[in-house]
Amino acid sequence: MALDAGTALERPVLSAHSDEDYYFTLRAVTAGASVKHRIRTGAKACCVPIVVLLVIAALGPEKWAPRTHLGWQFDHFIGYFGITLFVCVAWPRPFLIGGVFAAIAALLEGLQAFTPDRSAYLPAIFYGAAGALAAALIGEFVVRVWRWRLNSEVNMRDARSKSLAFTGSANPV
């Protein structure tokens, strides 16, 4: 089915939505905020046990630490990356959280010098901190894109309401 140029130019590219569309959109946004609040509350409740498990894995016997066959470097990076990303869901301050978890990586690795079957290792601090900071960068990017999208939607809604106030009707044509 081919359209000629005349037909394509006659069709409206942007069409005004009806008031019903905005009603359902606002209900979806309201429901989304409620769901977002529940997810954040659940994530906050899970953060404490996750950090406790991190401390146990770092300072407990070496057998208790979960390991992959990809090497300790990958384990440190992906472990701190995942934990930091999860905590960023609960508290959306990614750079602050990334810095805190980079410091936690250094502290826990330093405390391993006092355990009987482990020793502190400087590169492990860097791998853990790199995972935490990489997750913080991704979290900050997601937060900024989210805020930019919300601001652009609000600006479009404001522009539409101003045009309705100016013309006096939903369809000025």
Protein backbone atom coordinates (compact mmCIF):
# COMPACT_ATOMS: atom_id res chain seq x y z
CA MET A 1 0.00 0.00 0.00
CA ALA A 2 1.74 3.14 -1.20
CA LEU A 3 0.89 6.70 -0.23
CA ASP A 4 1.57 9.56 -2.55
CA ALA A 5 3.05 12.82 -1.26
CA GLY A 6 -0.30 14.63 -1.31
CA THR A 7 -2.00 12.07 0.92
CA ALA A 8 0.91 12.05 3.35
CA LEU A 9 0.83 15.83 3.67
CA GLU A 10 -2.92 15.95 4.29
CA ARG A 11 -2.78 13.60 7.27
CA PRO A 12 -2.10 15.27 10.61
CA VAL A 13 1.26 14.24 12.02
CA LEU A 14 0.40 15.07 15.62
CA SER A 15 -3.12 14.68 16.83
CA ALA A 16 -4.55 16.18 19.99
CA HIS A 17 -5.53 13.63 22.61
CA SER A 18 -8.96 13.55 24.09
CA ASP A 19 -9.57 14.30 27.77
CA GLU A 20 -10.17 10.58 28.34
CA ASP A 21 -6.60 9.83 27.25
CA TYR A 22 -5.24 12.27 29.82
CA TYR A 23 -7.48 10.81 32.52
CA PHE A 24 -6.08 7.32 31.93
CA THR A 25 -2.54 8.69 31.64
CA LEU A 26 -2.87 10.47 34.99
CA ARG A 27 -4.26 7.30 36.59
CA ALA A 28 -1.30 5.34 35.22
CA VAL A 29 1.15 7.91 36.58
CA THR A 30 -0.54 7.80 39.99
CA ALA A 31 -0.46 4.02 40.04
CA GLY A 32 3.17 4.15 38.92
CA ALA A 33 4.10 6.37 41.86
CA SER A 34 2.44 3.97 44.27
CA VAL A 35 4.23 1.00 42.75
CA LYS A 36 7.52 2.92 42.75
CA HIS A 37 7.08 3.68 46.45
CA ARG A 38 6.40 0.02 47.24
CA ILE A 39 9.44 -1.13 45.26
CA ARG A 40 11.68 1.40 47.02
CA THR A 41 10.32 0.41 50.45
CA GLY A 42 10.95 -3.26 49.70
CA ALA A 43 14.44 -2.49 48.42
CA LYS A 44 15.24 -0.49 51.56
CA ALA A 45 14.12 -3.42 53.69
CA CYS A 46 16.37 -5.78 51.72
CA CYS A 47 19.44 -3.52 51.84
CA VAL A 48 20.26 -4.26 55.48
CA PRO A 49 20.39 -8.07 55.07
CA ILE A 50 22.40 -7.70 51.86
CA VAL A 51 25.02 -5.54 53.57
CA VAL A 52 25.12 -7.95 56.53
CA LEU A 53 25.70 -10.84 54.11
CA LEU A 54 28.46 -8.83 52.43
CA VAL A 55 30.21 -8.32 55.77
CA ILE A 56 29.83 -12.00 56.65
CA ALA A 57 31.22 -13.07 53.27
CA ALA A 58 34.14 -10.64 53.56
CA LEU A 59 35.12 -11.30 57.17
CA GLY A 60 33.88 -14.85 57.75
CA PRO A 61 35.71 -18.04 56.82
CA GLU A 62 36.94 -18.15 53.25
CA LYS A 63 34.60 -21.06 52.45
CA TRP A 64 31.59 -18.81 53.10
CA ALA A 65 32.42 -16.36 50.33
CA PRO A 66 30.57 -17.13 47.09
CA ARG A 67 33.02 -17.61 44.25
CA THR A 68 32.73 -18.04 40.51
CA HIS A 69 35.21 -19.73 38.20
CA LEU A 70 35.90 -16.37 36.56
CA GLY A 71 38.43 -15.27 39.18
CA TRP A 72 38.43 -13.17 42.32
CA GLN A 73 38.76 -9.96 40.27
CA PHE A 74 35.43 -10.58 38.57
CA ASP A 75 33.88 -11.66 41.88
CA HIS A 76 34.87 -8.41 43.59
CA PHE A 77 33.79 -6.22 40.66
CA ILE A 78 30.43 -7.86 40.00
CA GLY A 79 29.62 -8.26 43.70
CA TYR A 80 30.05 -4.57 44.52
CA PHE A 81 28.47 -3.60 41.19
CA GLY A 82 25.30 -5.57 41.92
CA ILE A 83 25.00 -4.49 45.54
CA THR A 84 25.56 -0.83 44.69
CA LEU A 85 23.03 -0.95 41.85
CA PHE A 86 20.46 -2.56 44.14
CA VAL A 87 20.99 0.06 46.85
CA CYS A 88 20.66 2.79 44.19
CA VAL A 89 17.11 1.53 43.56
CA ALA A 90 16.29 2.09 47.23
CA TRP A 91 18.07 5.45 47.64
CA PRO A 92 18.47 7.28 44.32
CA ARG A 93 21.70 9.15 45.21
CA PRO A 94 24.07 7.07 43.06
CA PHE A 95 27.33 8.99 43.50
CA LEU A 96 26.94 9.10 47.28
CA ILE A 97 26.11 5.39 47.42
CA GLY A 98 28.97 4.53 45.05
CA GLY A 99 31.42 6.42 47.23
CA VAL A 100 30.12 4.75 50.38
CA PHE A 101 30.45 1.28 48.86
CA ALA A 102 33.94 2.07 47.53
CA ALA A 103 34.89 2.98 51.12
CA ILE A 104 33.19 -0.18 52.40
CA ALA A 105 35.24 -2.22 49.91
CA ALA A 106 38.44 -0.67 51.26
CA LEU A 107 37.37 -1.10 54.89
CA LEU A 108 36.35 -4.74 54.51
CA GLU A 109 39.50 -5.60 52.61
CA GLY A 110 41.60 -3.90 55.28
CA LEU A 111 39.77 -5.79 58.03
CA GLN A 112 40.58 -9.06 56.30
CA ALA A 113 44.15 -8.61 57.58
CA PHE A 114 42.79 -9.44 61.05
CA THR A 115 41.07 -12.69 60.01
CA PRO A 116 43.01 -15.94 60.46
CA ASP A 117 42.60 -17.38 56.93
CA ARG A 118 42.73 -14.23 54.80
CA SER A 119 44.95 -11.26 54.06
CA ALA A 120 44.38 -7.74 52.81
CA TYR A 121 45.14 -7.23 49.13
CA LEU A 122 45.29 -3.76 47.56
CA PRO A 123 44.11 -4.73 44.03
CA ALA A 124 40.97 -6.27 45.57
CA ILE A 125 40.11 -2.82 46.94
CA PHE A 126 40.41 -1.34 43.46
CA TYR A 127 38.24 -4.03 41.85
CA GLY A 128 35.52 -3.63 44.49
CA ALA A 129 35.64 0.18 44.28
CA ALA A 130 35.57 0.04 40.47
CA GLY A 131 32.42 -2.11 40.58
CA ALA A 132 30.73 0.26 43.02
CA LEU A 133 31.65 3.36 41.02
CA ALA A 134 30.62 1.79 37.70
CA ALA A 135 27.21 1.01 39.17
CA ALA A 136 27.01 4.57 40.51
CA LEU A 137 27.69 5.97 37.02
CA ILE A 138 24.99 3.81 35.49
CA GLY A 139 22.58 4.73 38.29
CA GLU A 140 23.27 8.45 37.84
CA PHE A 141 22.71 8.14 34.09
CA VAL A 142 19.36 6.40 34.64
CA VAL A 143 18.26 9.02 37.21
CA ARG A 144 19.17 11.90 34.88
CA VAL A 145 17.39 10.36 31.88
CA TRP A 146 14.32 9.69 34.06
CA ARG A 147 14.24 13.30 35.30
CA TRP A 148 14.77 14.64 31.77
CA ARG A 149 11.84 12.58 30.47
CA LEU A 150 9.59 13.72 33.31
CA ASN A 151 10.52 17.37 32.72
CA SER A 152 9.89 17.09 28.99
CA GLU A 153 6.46 15.51 29.61
CA VAL A 154 5.56 18.27 32.06
CA ASN A 155 6.73 20.92 29.58
CA MET A 156 4.62 19.36 26.81
CA ARG A 157 1.58 19.27 29.11
CA ASP A 158 2.13 22.92 30.08
CA ALA A 159 2.48 23.94 26.44
CA ARG A 160 -0.75 22.13 25.56
CA SER A 161 -2.66 23.72 28.44
CA LYS A 162 -1.38 27.17 27.43
CA SER A 163 -2.47 26.59 23.83
CA LEU A 164 -5.90 25.48 25.05
CA ALA A 165 -6.20 28.60 27.18
CA PHE A 166 -5.19 30.75 24.22
CA THR A 167 -7.54 29.20 21.65
CA GLY A 168 -10.34 28.30 24.03
CA SER A 169 -10.90 24.82 22.60
CA ALA A 170 -9.17 21.49 22.37
CA ASN A 171 -9.23 21.56 18.58
CA PRO A 172 -8.32 25.02 17.24
CA VAL A 173 -8.97 24.08 13.60
